Amino acid sequence: MPNERIVYAYEMHLDGRKISVSLVTMQIKPAGPGRATLKVTEQGAFLDGYDDAGSRESGTGFLLEKLGASLSD
């Protein structure tokens, strides 16, 4: 949705095998002058017993921190 939501899908591979597929929704809402809130929802299917949602959450947090740092420079 323009100016409100970003939706994307991706898949991860490890050693040539597909280990997961995900659908991500990032919802952006105004939170006052010059501010916004971001809500991230990820739905994933883990394949071949490779279930490591903790690493996925950590990686997403890392990328969002880098994005925030680049926007504040």
PDB file of N, CA and C in Angstrom:
ATOM      1  N   MET A   1       0.853  -1.173   0.000  1.00  0.00           N
ATOM      2  CA  MET A   1       0.000   0.000   0.000  1.00  0.00           C
ATOM      3  C   MET A   1       0.899   1.235   0.000  1.00  0.00           C
ATOM      4  N   PRO A   2       0.703   2.129  -0.930  1.00  0.00           N
ATOM      5  CA  PRO A   2       1.531   3.329  -0.984  1.00  0.00           C
ATOM      6  C   PRO A   2       1.491   4.098   0.337  1.00  0.00           C
ATOM      7  N   ASN A   3       2.674   4.542   0.775  1.00  0.00           N
ATOM      8  CA  ASN A   3       2.825   5.366   1.977  1.00  0.00           C
ATOM      9  C   ASN A   3       2.405   4.672   3.271  1.00  0.00           C
ATOM     10  N   GLU A   4       2.226   3.353   3.255  1.00  0.00           N
ATOM     11  CA  GLU A   4       1.812   2.679   4.483  1.00  0.00           C
ATOM     12  C   GLU A   4       2.428   1.301   4.682  1.00  0.00           C
ATOM     13  N   ARG A   5       2.540   0.507   3.618  1.00  0.00           N
ATOM     14  CA  ARG A   5       2.937  -0.888   3.802  1.00  0.00           C
ATOM     15  C   ARG A   5       3.851  -1.353   2.679  1.00  0.00           C
ATOM     16  N   ILE A   6       4.866  -2.126   3.074  1.00  0.00           N
ATOM     17  CA  ILE A   6       5.761  -2.780   2.119  1.00  0.00           C
ATOM     18  C   ILE A   6       5.612  -4.282   2.344  1.00  0.00           C
ATOM     19  N   VAL A   7       5.393  -5.019   1.274  1.00  0.00           N
ATOM     20  CA  VAL A   7       5.262  -6.472   1.358  1.00  0.00           C
ATOM     21  C   VAL A   7       6.270  -7.091   0.395  1.00  0.00           C
ATOM     22  N   TYR A   8       7.043  -8.068   0.902  1.00  0.00           N
ATOM     23  CA  TYR A   8       7.990  -8.745   0.024  1.00  0.00           C
ATOM     24  C   TYR A   8       8.128 -10.198   0.448  1.00  0.00           C
ATOM     25  N   ALA A   9       8.595 -11.001  -0.470  1.00  0.00           N
ATOM     26  CA  ALA A   9       8.823 -12.422  -0.209  1.00  0.00           C
ATOM     27  C   ALA A   9      10.268 -12.749  -0.558  1.00  0.00           C
ATOM     28  N   TYR A  10      10.813 -13.745   0.157  1.00  0.00           N
ATOM     29  CA  TYR A  10      12.165 -14.187  -0.170  1.00  0.00           C
ATOM     30  C   TYR A  10      12.341 -15.638   0.247  1.00  0.00           C
ATOM     31  N   GLU A  11      13.381 -16.236  -0.284  1.00  0.00           N
ATOM     32  CA  GLU A  11      13.734 -17.601   0.102  1.00  0.00           C
ATOM     33  C   GLU A  11      15.209 -17.631   0.473  1.00  0.00           C
ATOM     34  N   MET A  12      15.540 -18.562   1.361  1.00  0.00           N
ATOM     35  CA  MET A  12      16.932 -18.711   1.789  1.00  0.00           C
ATOM     36  C   MET A  12      17.439 -20.078   1.360  1.00  0.00           C
ATOM     37  N   HIS A  13      18.717 -20.093   0.977  1.00  0.00           N
ATOM     38  CA  HIS A  13      19.371 -21.328   0.565  1.00  0.00           C
ATOM     39  C   HIS A  13      20.619 -21.537   1.415  1.00  0.00           C
ATOM     40  N   LEU A  14      20.947 -22.778   1.677  1.00  0.00           N
ATOM     41  CA  LEU A  14      22.151 -23.139   2.407  1.00  0.00           C
ATOM     42  C   LEU A  14      22.752 -24.359   1.735  1.00  0.00           C
ATOM     43  N   ASP A  15      23.976 -24.240   1.289  1.00  0.00           N
ATOM     44  CA  ASP A  15      24.663 -25.350   0.608  1.00  0.00           C
ATOM     45  C   ASP A  15      23.842 -25.908  -0.549  1.00  0.00           C
ATOM     46  N   GLY A  16      23.238 -24.998  -1.329  1.00  0.00           N
ATOM     47  CA  GLY A  16      22.499 -25.419  -2.510  1.00  0.00           C
ATOM     48  C   GLY A  16      21.086 -25.926  -2.261  1.00  0.00           C
ATOM     49  N   ARG A  17      20.633 -25.973  -0.994  1.00  0.00           N
ATOM     50  CA  ARG A  17      19.253 -26.415  -0.732  1.00  0.00           C
ATOM     51  C   ARG A  17      18.436 -25.239  -0.200  1.00  0.00           C
ATOM     52  N   LYS A  18      17.185 -25.221  -0.598  1.00  0.00           N
ATOM     53  CA  LYS A  18      16.267 -24.213  -0.089  1.00  0.00           C
ATOM     54  C   LYS A  18      15.894 -24.603   1.334  1.00  0.00           C
ATOM     55  N   ILE A  19      16.125 -23.681   2.307  1.00  0.00           N
ATOM     56  CA  ILE A  19      15.839 -24.019   3.701  1.00  0.00           C
ATOM     57  C   ILE A  19      14.613 -23.292   4.250  1.00  0.00           C
ATOM     58  N   SER A  20      14.181 -22.216   3.572  1.00  0.00           N
ATOM     59  CA  SER A  20      12.979 -21.531   4.038  1.00  0.00           C
ATOM     60  C   SER A  20      12.460 -20.575   2.977  1.00  0.00           C
ATOM     61  N   VAL A  21      11.189 -20.234   3.118  1.00  0.00           N
ATOM     62  CA  VAL A  21      10.560 -19.179   2.322  1.00  0.00           C
ATOM     63  C   VAL A  21       9.793 -18.298   3.299  1.00  0.00           C
ATOM     64  N   SER A  22       9.758 -17.006   3.012  1.00  0.00           N
ATOM     65  CA  SER A  22       9.110 -16.068   3.923  1.00  0.00           C
ATOM     66  C   SER A  22       8.315 -15.023   3.169  1.00  0.00           C
ATOM     67  N   LEU A  23       7.264 -14.548   3.833  1.00  0.00           N
ATOM     68  CA  LEU A  23       6.476 -13.412   3.379  1.00  0.00           C
ATOM     69  C   LEU A  23       6.542 -12.379   4.499  1.00  0.00           C
ATOM     70  N   VAL A  24       6.984 -11.170   4.169  1.00  0.00           N
ATOM     71  CA  VAL A  24       7.193 -10.129   5.173  1.00  0.00           C
ATOM     72  C   VAL A  24       6.308  -8.931   4.858  1.00  0.00           C
ATOM     73  N   THR A  25       5.680  -8.388   5.904  1.00  0.00           N
ATOM     74  CA  THR A  25       4.920  -7.152   5.795  1.00  0.00           C
ATOM     75  C   THR A  25       5.530  -6.139   6.744  1.00  0.00           C
ATOM     76  N   MET A  26       5.854  -4.973   6.211  1.00  0.00           N
ATOM     77  CA  MET A  26       6.371  -3.872   7.028  1.00  0.00           C
ATOM     78  C   MET A  26       5.328  -2.759   6.960  1.00  0.00           C
ATOM     79  N   GLN A  27       4.722  -2.462   8.117  1.00  0.00           N
ATOM     80  CA  GLN A  27       3.675  -1.446   8.175  1.00  0.00           C
ATOM     81  C   GLN A  27       4.247  -0.193   8.827  1.00  0.00           C
ATOM     82  N   ILE A  28       4.116   0.926   8.137  1.00  0.00           N
ATOM     83  CA  ILE A  28       4.673   2.197   8.582  1.00  0.00           C
ATOM     84  C   ILE A  28       3.519   3.151   8.882  1.00  0.00           C
ATOM     85  N   LYS A  29       3.522   3.724  10.110  1.00  0.00           N
ATOM     86  CA  LYS A  29       2.462   4.656  10.494  1.00  0.00           C
ATOM     87  C   LYS A  29       3.080   5.910  11.107  1.00  0.00           C
ATOM     88  N   PRO A  30       2.484   7.072  10.830  1.00  0.00           N
ATOM     89  CA  PRO A  30       2.974   8.306  11.439  1.00  0.00           C
ATOM     90  C   PRO A  30       2.882   8.229  12.964  1.00  0.00           C
ATOM     91  N   ALA A  31       3.863   8.845  13.654  1.00  0.00           N
ATOM     92  CA  ALA A  31       3.875   8.858  15.116  1.00  0.00           C
ATOM     93  C   ALA A  31       4.291  10.236  15.622  1.00  0.00           C
ATOM     94  N   GLY A  32       3.829  11.256  14.960  1.00  0.00           N
ATOM     95  CA  GLY A  32       4.180  12.621  15.346  1.00  0.00           C
ATOM     96  C   GLY A  32       5.079  13.255  14.305  1.00  0.00           C
ATOM     97  N   PRO A  33       5.359  14.528  14.473  1.00  0.00           N
ATOM     98  CA  PRO A  33       6.181  15.251  13.486  1.00  0.00           C
ATOM     99  C   PRO A  33       7.561  14.608  13.300  1.00  0.00           C
ATOM    100  N   GLY A  34       7.859  14.225  12.073  1.00  0.00           N
ATOM    101  CA  GLY A  34       9.162  13.649  11.751  1.00  0.00           C
ATOM    102  C   GLY A  34       9.402  12.267  12.318  1.00  0.00           C
ATOM    103  N   ARG A  35       8.351  11.586  12.786  1.00  0.00           N
ATOM    104  CA  ARG A  35       8.509  10.266  13.406  1.00  0.00           C
ATOM    105  C   ARG A  35       7.523   9.278  12.782  1.00  0.00           C
ATOM    106  N   ALA A  36       7.851   7.998  12.904  1.00  0.00           N
ATOM    107  CA  ALA A  36       6.977   6.935  12.410  1.00  0.00           C
ATOM    108  C   ALA A  36       7.212   5.681  13.244  1.00  0.00           C
ATOM    109  N   THR A  37       6.227   4.801  13.250  1.00  0.00           N
ATOM    110  CA  THR A  37       6.399   3.490  13.869  1.00  0.00           C
ATOM    111  C   THR A  37       6.473   2.458  12.754  1.00  0.00           C
ATOM    112  N   LEU A  38       7.197   1.402  13.016  1.00  0.00           N
ATOM    113  CA  LEU A  38       7.372   0.328  12.045  1.00  0.00           C
ATOM    114  C   LEU A  38       6.990  -0.986  12.711  1.00  0.00           C
ATOM    115  N   LYS A  39       6.067  -1.706  12.106  1.00  0.00           N
ATOM    116  CA  LYS A  39       5.667  -3.029  12.588  1.00  0.00           C
ATOM    117  C   LYS A  39       6.049  -4.037  11.510  1.00  0.00           C
ATOM    118  N   VAL A  40       6.867  -5.022  11.900  1.00  0.00           N
ATOM    119  CA  VAL A  40       7.329  -6.034  10.954  1.00  0.00           C
ATOM    120  C   VAL A  40       6.696  -7.366  11.320  1.00  0.00           C
ATOM    121  N   THR A  41       6.033  -7.987  10.340  1.00  0.00           N
ATOM    122  CA  THR A  41       5.440  -9.309  10.522  1.00  0.00           C
ATOM    123  C   THR A  41       6.035 -10.226   9.468  1.00  0.00           C
ATOM    124  N   GLU A  42       6.617 -11.335   9.907  1.00  0.00           N
ATOM    125  CA  GLU A  42       7.197 -12.289   8.963  1.00  0.00           C
ATOM    126  C   GLU A  42       6.548 -13.644   9.166  1.00  0.00           C
ATOM    127  N   GLN A  43       6.065 -14.197   8.073  1.00  0.00           N
ATOM    128  CA  GLN A  43       5.504 -15.547   8.079  1.00  0.00           C
ATOM    129  C   GLN A  43       6.470 -16.425   7.300  1.00  0.00           C
ATOM    130  N   GLY A  44       6.933 -17.485   7.932  1.00  0.00           N
ATOM    131  CA  GLY A  44       7.933 -18.310   7.286  1.00  0.00           C
ATOM    132  C   GLY A  44       7.571 -19.774   7.285  1.00  0.00           C
ATOM    133  N   ALA A  45       8.045 -20.447   6.277  1.00  0.00           N
ATOM    134  CA  ALA A  45       7.960 -21.907   6.199  1.00  0.00           C
ATOM    135  C   ALA A  45       9.391 -22.424   6.190  1.00  0.00           C
ATOM    136  N   PHE A  46       9.723 -23.224   7.197  1.00  0.00           N
ATOM    137  CA  PHE A  46      11.068 -23.778   7.317  1.00  0.00           C
ATOM    138  C   PHE A  46      11.066 -25.191   6.743  1.00  0.00           C
ATOM    139  N   LEU A  47      12.026 -25.456   5.881  1.00  0.00           N
ATOM    140  CA  LEU A  47      12.043 -26.698   5.125  1.00  0.00           C
ATOM    141  C   LEU A  47      13.160 -27.619   5.611  1.00  0.00           C
ATOM    142  N   ASP A  48      12.984 -28.900   5.400  1.00  0.00           N
ATOM    143  CA  ASP A  48      14.006 -29.903   5.726  1.00  0.00           C
ATOM    144  C   ASP A  48      14.464 -29.849   7.180  1.00  0.00           C
ATOM    145  N   GLY A  49      13.538 -29.501   8.096  1.00  0.00           N
ATOM    146  CA  GLY A  49      13.875 -29.486   9.510  1.00  0.00           C
ATOM    147  C   GLY A  49      14.751 -28.331   9.944  1.00  0.00           C
ATOM    148  N   TYR A  50      15.000 -27.378   9.066  1.00  0.00           N
ATOM    149  CA  TYR A  50      15.852 -26.244   9.407  1.00  0.00           C
ATOM    150  C   TYR A  50      14.976 -25.150   9.994  1.00  0.00           C
ATOM    151  N   ASP A  51      14.770 -25.187  11.298  1.00  0.00           N
ATOM    152  CA  ASP A  51      13.887 -24.241  11.979  1.00  0.00           C
ATOM    153  C   ASP A  51      14.719 -23.382  12.918  1.00  0.00           C
ATOM    154  N   ASP A  52      15.071 -22.175  12.466  1.00  0.00           N
ATOM    155  CA  ASP A  52      15.910 -21.295  13.267  1.00  0.00           C
ATOM    156  C   ASP A  52      15.348 -19.877  13.232  1.00  0.00           C
ATOM    157  N   ALA A  53      14.142 -19.715  13.758  1.00  0.00           N
ATOM    158  CA  ALA A  53      13.485 -18.406  13.741  1.00  0.00           C
ATOM    159  C   ALA A  53      14.270 -17.367  14.540  1.00  0.00           C
ATOM    160  N   GLY A  54      14.990 -17.777  15.562  1.00  0.00           N
ATOM    161  CA  GLY A  54      15.779 -16.838  16.357  1.00  0.00           C
ATOM    162  C   GLY A  54      16.842 -16.143  15.531  1.00  0.00           C
ATOM    163  N   SER A  55      17.518 -16.898  14.686  1.00  0.00           N
ATOM    164  CA  SER A  55      18.534 -16.291  13.814  1.00  0.00           C
ATOM    165  C   SER A  55      17.883 -15.347  12.818  1.00  0.00           C
ATOM    166  N   ARG A  56      16.720 -15.714  12.327  1.00  0.00           N
ATOM    167  CA  ARG A  56      15.999 -14.860  11.368  1.00  0.00           C
ATOM    168  C   ARG A  56      15.618 -13.540  12.032  1.00  0.00           C
ATOM    169  N   GLU A  57      15.107 -13.610  13.254  1.00  0.00           N
ATOM    170  CA  GLU A  57      14.730 -12.391  13.980  1.00  0.00           C
ATOM    171  C   GLU A  57      15.954 -11.522  14.252  1.00  0.00           C
ATOM    172  N   SER A  58      17.037 -12.131  14.645  1.00  0.00           N
ATOM    173  CA  SER A  58      18.280 -11.403  14.908  1.00  0.00           C
ATOM    174  C   SER A  58      18.786 -10.724  13.636  1.00  0.00           C
ATOM    175  N   GLY A  59      18.758 -11.435  12.529  1.00  0.00           N
ATOM    176  CA  GLY A  59      19.214 -10.869  11.252  1.00  0.00           C
ATOM    177  C   GLY A  59      18.358  -9.706  10.799  1.00  0.00           C
ATOM    178  N   THR A  60      17.039  -9.827  10.958  1.00  0.00           N
ATOM    179  CA  THR A  60      16.134  -8.736  10.582  1.00  0.00           C
ATOM    180  C   THR A  60      16.396  -7.519  11.457  1.00  0.00           C
ATOM    181  N   GLY A  61      16.595  -7.727  12.761  1.00  0.00           N
ATOM    182  CA  GLY A  61      16.898  -6.620  13.659  1.00  0.00           C
ATOM    183  C   GLY A  61      18.186  -5.917  13.270  1.00  0.00           C
ATOM    184  N   PHE A  62      19.201  -6.683  12.918  1.00  0.00           N
ATOM    185  CA  PHE A  62      20.485  -6.136  12.487  1.00  0.00           C
ATOM    186  C   PHE A  62      20.303  -5.248  11.249  1.00  0.00           C
ATOM    187  N   LEU A  63      19.549  -5.755  10.260  1.00  0.00           N
ATOM    188  CA  LEU A  63      19.329  -4.984   9.033  1.00  0.00           C
ATOM    189  C   LEU A  63      18.540  -3.707   9.307  1.00  0.00           C
ATOM    190  N   LEU A  64      17.537  -3.771  10.187  1.00  0.00           N
ATOM    191  CA  LEU A  64      16.753  -2.579  10.509  1.00  0.00           C
ATOM    192  C   LEU A  64      17.593  -1.543  11.256  1.00  0.00           C
ATOM    193  N   GLU A  65      18.491  -1.997  12.123  1.00  0.00           N
ATOM    194  CA  GLU A  65      19.394  -1.060  12.806  1.00  0.00           C
ATOM    195  C   GLU A  65      20.303  -0.355  11.802  1.00  0.00           C
ATOM    196  N   LYS A  66      20.815  -1.100  10.836  1.00  0.00           N
ATOM    197  CA  LYS A  66      21.665  -0.499   9.804  1.00  0.00           C
ATOM    198  C   LYS A  66      20.875   0.508   8.957  1.00  0.00           C
ATOM    199  N   LEU A  67      19.634   0.167   8.635  1.00  0.00           N
ATOM    200  CA  LEU A  67      18.778   1.081   7.888  1.00  0.00           C
ATOM    201  C   LEU A  67      18.562   2.367   8.681  1.00  0.00           C
ATOM    202  N   GLY A  68      18.231   2.229   9.961  1.00  0.00           N
ATOM    203  CA  GLY A  68      18.027   3.407  10.806  1.00  0.00           C
ATOM    204  C   GLY A  68      19.268   4.276  10.892  1.00  0.00           C
ATOM    205  N   ALA A  69      20.421   3.648  11.031  1.00  0.00           N
ATOM    206  CA  ALA A  69      21.677   4.405  11.104  1.00  0.00           C
ATOM    207  C   ALA A  69      21.928   5.165   9.797  1.00  0.00           C
ATOM    208  N   SER A  70      21.621   4.553   8.674  1.00  0.00           N
ATOM    209  CA  SER A  70      21.865   5.220   7.393  1.00  0.00           C
ATOM    210  C   SER A  70      20.905   6.388   7.185  1.00  0.00           C
ATOM    211  N   LEU A  71      19.718   6.314   7.767  1.00  0.00           N
ATOM    212  CA  LEU A  71      18.753   7.401   7.619  1.00  0.00           C
ATOM    213  C   LEU A  71      19.065   8.578   8.533  1.00  0.00           C
ATOM    214  N   SER A  72      19.781   8.318   9.616  1.00  0.00           N
ATOM    215  CA  SER A  72      20.076   9.398  10.571  1.00  0.00           C
ATOM    216  C   SER A  72      21.382  10.111  10.264  1.00  0.00           C
ATOM    217  N   ASP A  73      22.164   9.599   9.313  1.00  0.00           N
ATOM    218  CA  ASP A  73      23.446  10.241   8.960  1.00  0.00           C
ATOM    219  C   ASP A  73      23.236  11.498   8.147  1.00  0.00           C
TER     220      ASP A  73
END
